[in-house]
Every structure is written in structure tokens, then in C-alpha cells.
Amino acid sequence: MKRRFPRARQKAIIKKFESKARLAKSVDILIFLDYMMFLRRLALEANVQAKENKERTIEAHHINEVLKKTLKTCRG
């Protein structure tokens, strides 16, 4: 399977912000999994927000309303 974002580039970006970071071989997979878990949580929170507003479809304003709260809970 072809990677959409090369490992070397991803590691270079991380090293740019954390120059002394030691990265494992599987760091790209872990970052991807964290990203997917964040998106899932964001979608669930937006769904709850839409239901509270008695709407059936998640729209951009639902996501914007829960984005800050979700980001705060996902920070390590």
C-alpha cells in the first residue's frame, strides 16, 4: 500500500518542532491512529450537537461548535 504522506517527511516535520525527539519506526502509524481517533470523537460530538438542535444532518457549524472542546480533551 502506498503511503499518502512519506515517513521521512513526517519525521522531518516532527524534528523541526522537537529537535531532540527520538522517534520510533512506527511513529507514523501512531500519529495516523491518533488522527483517526480525533476525527471519530469530533464526529460523535458534532452528532450529539446536531441532535440537541433537533437536526438530522451534521453541518459545519455543528463541528465548529464542538471543535475547541474536542481539541482540549485530546491534548496529551
PDB file of N, CA and C in Angstrom:
ATOM      1  N   MET A   1       0.840  -1.175   0.000  1.00  0.00           N
ATOM      2  CA  MET A   1       0.000   0.000   0.000  1.00  0.00           C
ATOM      3  C   MET A   1       0.887   1.241   0.000  1.00  0.00           C
ATOM      4  N   LYS A   2       0.600   2.155  -0.881  1.00  0.00           N
ATOM      5  CA  LYS A   2       1.389   3.377  -0.982  1.00  0.00           C
ATOM      6  C   LYS A   2       0.972   4.356   0.112  1.00  0.00           C
ATOM      7  N   ARG A   3       1.964   4.952   0.752  1.00  0.00           N
ATOM      8  CA  ARG A   3       1.697   5.946   1.794  1.00  0.00           C
ATOM      9  C   ARG A   3       1.357   7.276   1.146  1.00  0.00           C
ATOM     10  N   ARG A   4       0.374   7.935   1.688  1.00  0.00           N
ATOM     11  CA  ARG A   4      -0.016   9.245   1.172  1.00  0.00           C
ATOM     12  C   ARG A   4       0.915  10.337   1.676  1.00  0.00           C
ATOM     13  N   PHE A   5       1.565  10.075   2.790  1.00  0.00           N
ATOM     14  CA  PHE A   5       2.467  11.057   3.377  1.00  0.00           C
ATOM     15  C   PHE A   5       3.740  10.317   3.773  1.00  0.00           C
ATOM     16  N   PRO A   6       4.847  10.565   3.096  1.00  0.00           N
ATOM     17  CA  PRO A   6       6.075   9.794   3.332  1.00  0.00           C
ATOM     18  C   PRO A   6       6.573   9.882   4.777  1.00  0.00           C
ATOM     19  N   ARG A   7       7.101   8.769   5.261  1.00  0.00           N
ATOM     20  CA  ARG A   7       7.616   8.705   6.628  1.00  0.00           C
ATOM     21  C   ARG A   7       8.711   9.736   6.874  1.00  0.00           C
ATOM     22  N   ALA A   8       9.630   9.859   5.942  1.00  0.00           N
ATOM     23  CA  ALA A   8      10.754  10.780   6.123  1.00  0.00           C
ATOM     24  C   ALA A   8      10.265  12.215   6.277  1.00  0.00           C
ATOM     25  N   ARG A   9       9.302  12.584   5.480  1.00  0.00           N
ATOM     26  CA  ARG A   9       8.778  13.950   5.563  1.00  0.00           C
ATOM     27  C   ARG A   9       8.066  14.183   6.896  1.00  0.00           C
ATOM     28  N   GLN A  10       7.306  13.196   7.322  1.00  0.00           N
ATOM     29  CA  GLN A  10       6.591  13.312   8.589  1.00  0.00           C
ATOM     30  C   GLN A  10       7.577  13.440   9.751  1.00  0.00           C
ATOM     31  N   LYS A  11       8.623  12.626   9.744  1.00  0.00           N
ATOM     32  CA  LYS A  11       9.626  12.699  10.799  1.00  0.00           C
ATOM     33  C   LYS A  11      10.367  14.030  10.761  1.00  0.00           C
ATOM     34  N   ALA A  12      10.625  14.552   9.571  1.00  0.00           N
ATOM     35  CA  ALA A  12      11.306  15.842   9.448  1.00  0.00           C
ATOM     36  C   ALA A  12      10.460  16.965  10.042  1.00  0.00           C
ATOM     37  N   ILE A  13       9.168  16.909   9.834  1.00  0.00           N
ATOM     38  CA  ILE A  13       8.269  17.926  10.395  1.00  0.00           C
ATOM     39  C   ILE A  13       8.279  17.854  11.922  1.00  0.00           C
ATOM     40  N   ILE A  14       8.257  16.652  12.466  1.00  0.00           N
ATOM     41  CA  ILE A  14       8.283  16.498  13.920  1.00  0.00           C
ATOM     42  C   ILE A  14       9.617  16.995  14.475  1.00  0.00           C
ATOM     43  N   LYS A  15      10.712  16.640  13.822  1.00  0.00           N
ATOM     44  CA  LYS A  15      12.037  17.077  14.268  1.00  0.00           C
ATOM     45  C   LYS A  15      12.165  18.596  14.221  1.00  0.00           C
ATOM     46  N   LYS A  16      11.466  19.228  13.300  1.00  0.00           N
ATOM     47  CA  LYS A  16      11.519  20.684  13.182  1.00  0.00           C
ATOM     48  C   LYS A  16      11.001  21.344  14.459  1.00  0.00           C
ATOM     49  N   PHE A  17       9.962  20.769  15.048  1.00  0.00           N
ATOM     50  CA  PHE A  17       9.373  21.336  16.258  1.00  0.00           C
ATOM     51  C   PHE A  17      10.007  20.780  17.531  1.00  0.00           C
ATOM     52  N   GLU A  18      10.410  19.543  17.496  1.00  0.00           N
ATOM     53  CA  GLU A  18      11.051  18.895  18.647  1.00  0.00           C
ATOM     54  C   GLU A  18      12.389  18.339  18.178  1.00  0.00           C
ATOM     55  N   SER A  19      13.420  19.151  18.220  1.00  0.00           N
ATOM     56  CA  SER A  19      14.705  18.759  17.640  1.00  0.00           C
ATOM     57  C   SER A  19      15.362  17.586  18.366  1.00  0.00           C
ATOM     58  N   LYS A  20      15.098  17.417  19.655  1.00  0.00           N
ATOM     59  CA  LYS A  20      15.736  16.339  20.409  1.00  0.00           C
ATOM     60  C   LYS A  20      14.854  15.099  20.523  1.00  0.00           C
ATOM     61  N   ALA A  21      13.775  15.064  19.797  1.00  0.00           N
ATOM     62  CA  ALA A  21      12.855  13.930  19.871  1.00  0.00           C
ATOM     63  C   ALA A  21      13.470  12.699  19.221  1.00  0.00           C
ATOM     64  N   ARG A  22      13.327  11.579  19.899  1.00  0.00           N
ATOM     65  CA  ARG A  22      13.759  10.301  19.336  1.00  0.00           C
ATOM     66  C   ARG A  22      12.501   9.577  18.888  1.00  0.00           C
ATOM     67  N   LEU A  23      12.457   9.228  17.625  1.00  0.00           N
ATOM     68  CA  LEU A  23      11.235   8.672  17.049  1.00  0.00           C
ATOM     69  C   LEU A  23      11.392   7.190  16.740  1.00  0.00           C
ATOM     70  N   ALA A  24      10.390   6.429  17.088  1.00  0.00           N
ATOM     71  CA  ALA A  24      10.375   5.004  16.779  1.00  0.00           C
ATOM     72  C   ALA A  24      10.026   4.796  15.309  1.00  0.00           C
ATOM     73  N   LYS A  25      10.236   3.577  14.847  1.00  0.00           N
ATOM     74  CA  LYS A  25       9.932   3.263  13.449  1.00  0.00           C
ATOM     75  C   LYS A  25       8.451   3.430  13.125  1.00  0.00           C
ATOM     76  N   SER A  26       7.611   3.113  14.076  1.00  0.00           N
ATOM     77  CA  SER A  26       6.171   3.099  13.819  1.00  0.00           C
ATOM     78  C   SER A  26       5.483   4.405  14.197  1.00  0.00           C
ATOM     79  N   VAL A  27       6.227   5.487  14.323  1.00  0.00           N
ATOM     80  CA  VAL A  27       5.632   6.748  14.766  1.00  0.00           C
ATOM     81  C   VAL A  27       4.580   7.254  13.779  1.00  0.00           C
ATOM     82  N   ASP A  28       4.768   7.028  12.497  1.00  0.00           N
ATOM     83  CA  ASP A  28       3.786   7.499  11.515  1.00  0.00           C
ATOM     84  C   ASP A  28       2.448   6.788  11.678  1.00  0.00           C
ATOM     85  N   ILE A  29       2.488   5.516  12.018  1.00  0.00           N
ATOM     86  CA  ILE A  29       1.257   4.759  12.227  1.00  0.00           C
ATOM     87  C   ILE A  29       0.533   5.263  13.477  1.00  0.00           C
ATOM     88  N   LEU A  30       1.286   5.536  14.529  1.00  0.00           N
ATOM     89  CA  LEU A  30       0.686   6.042  15.765  1.00  0.00           C
ATOM     90  C   LEU A  30       0.058   7.412  15.559  1.00  0.00           C
ATOM     91  N   ILE A  31       0.728   8.266  14.799  1.00  0.00           N
ATOM     92  CA  ILE A  31       0.174   9.588  14.505  1.00  0.00           C
ATOM     93  C   ILE A  31      -1.120   9.447  13.713  1.00  0.00           C
ATOM     94  N   PHE A  32      -1.133   8.547  12.744  1.00  0.00           N
ATOM     95  CA  PHE A  32      -2.332   8.324  11.942  1.00  0.00           C
ATOM     96  C   PHE A  32      -3.483   7.810  12.811  1.00  0.00           C
ATOM     97  N   LEU A  33      -3.197   6.874  13.708  1.00  0.00           N
ATOM     98  CA  LEU A  33      -4.243   6.340  14.584  1.00  0.00           C
ATOM     99  C   LEU A  33      -4.790   7.416  15.515  1.00  0.00           C
ATOM    100  N   ASP A  34      -3.910   8.259  16.054  1.00  0.00           N
ATOM    101  CA  ASP A  34      -4.374   9.370  16.893  1.00  0.00           C
ATOM    102  C   ASP A  34      -5.266  10.314  16.101  1.00  0.00           C
ATOM    103  N   TYR A  35      -4.876  10.574  14.872  1.00  0.00           N
ATOM    104  CA  TYR A  35      -5.660  11.448  13.994  1.00  0.00           C
ATOM    105  C   TYR A  35      -7.051  10.858  13.747  1.00  0.00           C
ATOM    106  N   MET A  36      -7.111   9.564  13.464  1.00  0.00           N
ATOM    107  CA  MET A  36      -8.392   8.913  13.203  1.00  0.00           C
ATOM    108  C   MET A  36      -9.273   8.902  14.456  1.00  0.00           C
ATOM    109  N   MET A  37      -8.673   8.695  15.621  1.00  0.00           N
ATOM    110  CA  MET A  37      -9.444   8.720  16.866  1.00  0.00           C
ATOM    111  C   MET A  37      -9.989  10.118  17.137  1.00  0.00           C
ATOM    112  N   PHE A  38      -9.196  11.141  16.819  1.00  0.00           N
ATOM    113  CA  PHE A  38      -9.659  12.516  16.986  1.00  0.00           C
ATOM    114  C   PHE A  38     -10.839  12.797  16.057  1.00  0.00           C
ATOM    115  N   LEU A  39     -10.733  12.389  14.796  1.00  0.00           N
ATOM    116  CA  LEU A  39     -11.829  12.619  13.850  1.00  0.00           C
ATOM    117  C   LEU A  39     -13.100  11.897  14.284  1.00  0.00           C
ATOM    118  N   ARG A  40     -12.947  10.689  14.802  1.00  0.00           N
ATOM    119  CA  ARG A  40     -14.116   9.931  15.263  1.00  0.00           C
ATOM    120  C   ARG A  40     -14.791  10.646  16.430  1.00  0.00           C
ATOM    121  N   ARG A  41     -13.975  11.093  17.373  1.00  0.00           N
ATOM    122  CA  ARG A  41     -14.528  11.797  18.532  1.00  0.00           C
ATOM    123  C   ARG A  41     -15.206  13.096  18.112  1.00  0.00           C
ATOM    124  N   LEU A  42     -14.591  13.814  17.176  1.00  0.00           N
ATOM    125  CA  LEU A  42     -15.166  15.061  16.675  1.00  0.00           C
ATOM    126  C   LEU A  42     -16.511  14.798  16.003  1.00  0.00           C
ATOM    127  N   ALA A  43     -16.584  13.734  15.216  1.00  0.00           N
ATOM    128  CA  ALA A  43     -17.837  13.392  14.544  1.00  0.00           C
ATOM    129  C   ALA A  43     -18.922  13.014  15.555  1.00  0.00           C
ATOM    130  N   LEU A  44     -18.554  12.271  16.582  1.00  0.00           N
ATOM    131  CA  LEU A  44     -19.536  11.893  17.603  1.00  0.00           C
ATOM    132  C   LEU A  44     -20.057  13.113  18.354  1.00  0.00           C
ATOM    133  N   GLU A  45     -19.155  14.013  18.727  1.00  0.00           N
ATOM    134  CA  GLU A  45     -19.567  15.229  19.434  1.00  0.00           C
ATOM    135  C   GLU A  45     -20.445  16.111  18.544  1.00  0.00           C
ATOM    136  N   ALA A  46     -20.100  16.211  17.268  1.00  0.00           N
ATOM    137  CA  ALA A  46     -20.906  17.001  16.337  1.00  0.00           C
ATOM    138  C   ALA A  46     -22.281  16.368  16.152  1.00  0.00           C
ATOM    139  N   ASN A  47     -22.337  15.046  16.169  1.00  0.00           N
ATOM    140  CA  ASN A  47     -23.614  14.347  16.061  1.00  0.00           C
ATOM    141  C   ASN A  47     -24.500  14.652  17.266  1.00  0.00           C
ATOM    142  N   VAL A  48     -23.916  14.643  18.451  1.00  0.00           N
ATOM    143  CA  VAL A  48     -24.670  14.988  19.663  1.00  0.00           C
ATOM    144  C   VAL A  48     -25.190  16.417  19.566  1.00  0.00           C
ATOM    145  N   GLN A  49     -24.337  17.320  19.098  1.00  0.00           N
ATOM    146  CA  GLN A  49     -24.729  18.724  18.955  1.00  0.00           C
ATOM    147  C   GLN A  49     -25.891  18.866  17.967  1.00  0.00           C
ATOM    148  N   ALA A  50     -25.830  18.139  16.867  1.00  0.00           N
ATOM    149  CA  ALA A  50     -26.907  18.195  15.879  1.00  0.00           C
ATOM    150  C   ALA A  50     -28.216  17.662  16.467  1.00  0.00           C
ATOM    151  N   LYS A  51     -28.133  16.586  17.236  1.00  0.00           N
ATOM    152  CA  LYS A  51     -29.337  16.032  17.859  1.00  0.00           C
ATOM    153  C   LYS A  51     -29.928  16.990  18.881  1.00  0.00           C
ATOM    154  N   GLU A  52     -29.059  17.710  19.610  1.00  0.00           N
ATOM    155  CA  GLU A  52     -29.557  18.700  20.568  1.00  0.00           C
ATOM    156  C   GLU A  52     -30.302  19.829  19.861  1.00  0.00           C
ATOM    157  N   ASN A  53     -29.857  20.154  18.647  1.00  0.00           N
ATOM    158  CA  ASN A  53     -30.518  21.189  17.848  1.00  0.00           C
ATOM    159  C   ASN A  53     -31.688  20.627  17.042  1.00  0.00           C
ATOM    160  N   LYS A  54     -31.993  19.337  17.268  1.00  0.00           N
ATOM    161  CA  LYS A  54     -33.083  18.641  16.581  1.00  0.00           C
ATOM    162  C   LYS A  54     -32.916  18.660  15.061  1.00  0.00           C
ATOM    163  N   GLU A  55     -31.695  18.400  14.629  1.00  0.00           N
ATOM    164  CA  GLU A  55     -31.392  18.303  13.203  1.00  0.00           C
ATOM    165  C   GLU A  55     -30.868  16.902  12.920  1.00  0.00           C
ATOM    166  N   ARG A  56     -31.076  16.443  11.711  1.00  0.00           N
ATOM    167  CA  ARG A  56     -30.666  15.090  11.350  1.00  0.00           C
ATOM    168  C   ARG A  56     -29.291  15.030  10.696  1.00  0.00           C
ATOM    169  N   THR A  57     -28.823  16.143  10.181  1.00  0.00           N
ATOM    170  CA  THR A  57     -27.575  16.164   9.434  1.00  0.00           C
ATOM    171  C   THR A  57     -26.528  16.980  10.175  1.00  0.00           C
ATOM    172  N   ILE A  58     -25.298  16.453  10.213  1.00  0.00           N
ATOM    173  CA  ILE A  58     -24.188  17.211  10.797  1.00  0.00           C
ATOM    174  C   ILE A  58     -23.729  18.234   9.765  1.00  0.00           C
ATOM    175  N   GLU A  59     -23.670  19.484  10.193  1.00  0.00           N
ATOM    176  CA  GLU A  59     -23.228  20.555   9.303  1.00  0.00           C
ATOM    177  C   GLU A  59     -21.981  21.208   9.879  1.00  0.00           C
ATOM    178  N   ALA A  60     -21.391  22.106   9.110  1.00  0.00           N
ATOM    179  CA  ALA A  60     -20.133  22.743   9.504  1.00  0.00           C
ATOM    180  C   ALA A  60     -20.251  23.477  10.830  1.00  0.00           C
ATOM    181  N   HIS A  61     -21.371  24.126  11.068  1.00  0.00           N
ATOM    182  CA  HIS A  61     -21.496  24.881  12.315  1.00  0.00           C
ATOM    183  C   HIS A  61     -21.549  23.964  13.533  1.00  0.00           C
ATOM    184  N   HIS A  62     -22.032  22.730  13.372  1.00  0.00           N
ATOM    185  CA  HIS A  62     -22.011  21.776  14.482  1.00  0.00           C
ATOM    186  C   HIS A  62     -20.563  21.409  14.829  1.00  0.00           C
ATOM    187  N   ILE A  63     -19.772  21.186  13.803  1.00  0.00           N
ATOM    188  CA  ILE A  63     -18.367  20.837  14.020  1.00  0.00           C
ATOM    189  C   ILE A  63     -17.623  22.004  14.648  1.00  0.00           C
ATOM    190  N   ASN A  64     -17.871  23.206  14.160  1.00  0.00           N
ATOM    191  CA  ASN A  64     -17.197  24.383  14.711  1.00  0.00           C
ATOM    192  C   ASN A  64     -17.556  24.610  16.174  1.00  0.00           C
ATOM    193  N   GLU A  65     -18.784  24.273  16.562  1.00  0.00           N
ATOM    194  CA  GLU A  65     -19.219  24.454  17.947  1.00  0.00           C
ATOM    195  C   GLU A  65     -18.501  23.511  18.912  1.00  0.00           C
ATOM    196  N   VAL A  66     -18.173  22.312  18.471  1.00  0.00           N
ATOM    197  CA  VAL A  66     -17.554  21.331  19.371  1.00  0.00           C
ATOM    198  C   VAL A  66     -16.045  21.193  19.169  1.00  0.00           C
ATOM    199  N   LEU A  67     -15.491  21.892  18.204  1.00  0.00           N
ATOM    200  CA  LEU A  67     -14.076  21.723  17.865  1.00  0.00           C
ATOM    201  C   LEU A  67     -13.150  22.071  19.028  1.00  0.00           C
ATOM    202  N   LYS A  68     -13.324  23.219  19.648  1.00  0.00           N
ATOM    203  CA  LYS A  68     -12.428  23.629  20.739  1.00  0.00           C
ATOM    204  C   LYS A  68     -12.504  22.668  21.920  1.00  0.00           C
ATOM    205  N   LYS A  69     -13.710  22.250  22.263  1.00  0.00           N
ATOM    206  CA  LYS A  69     -13.881  21.321  23.385  1.00  0.00           C
ATOM    207  C   LYS A  69     -13.190  19.988  23.092  1.00  0.00           C
ATOM    208  N   THR A  70     -13.336  19.506  21.868  1.00  0.00           N
ATOM    209  CA  THR A  70     -12.726  18.236  21.490  1.00  0.00           C
ATOM    210  C   THR A  70     -11.209  18.351  21.458  1.00  0.00           C
ATOM    211  N   LEU A  71     -10.691  19.457  20.959  1.00  0.00           N
ATOM    212  CA  LEU A  71      -9.241  19.658  20.950  1.00  0.00           C
ATOM    213  C   LEU A  71      -8.676  19.671  22.368  1.00  0.00           C
ATOM    214  N   LYS A  72      -9.381  20.297  23.286  1.00  0.00           N
ATOM    215  CA  LYS A  72      -8.915  20.349  24.676  1.00  0.00           C
ATOM    216  C   LYS A  72      -8.870  18.960  25.303  1.00  0.00           C
ATOM    217  N   THR A  73      -9.853  18.128  25.004  1.00  0.00           N
ATOM    218  CA  THR A  73      -9.882  16.797  25.607  1.00  0.00           C
ATOM    219  C   THR A  73      -8.855  15.863  24.981  1.00  0.00           C
ATOM    220  N   CYS A  74      -8.430  16.134  23.756  1.00  0.00           N
ATOM    221  CA  CYS A  74      -7.493  15.245  23.065  1.00  0.00           C
ATOM    222  C   CYS A  74      -6.031  15.622  23.279  1.00  0.00           C
ATOM    223  N   ARG A  75      -5.772  16.725  23.904  1.00  0.00           N
ATOM    224  CA  ARG A  75      -4.375  17.111  24.138  1.00  0.00           C
ATOM    225  C   ARG A  75      -3.785  16.246  25.234  1.00  0.00           C
ATOM    226  N   GLY A  76      -2.538  15.847  25.034  1.00  0.00           N
ATOM    227  CA  GLY A  76      -1.861  14.987  25.996  1.00  0.00           C
ATOM    228  C   GLY A  76      -1.283  15.735  27.082  1.00  0.00           C
TER     229      GLY A  76
END
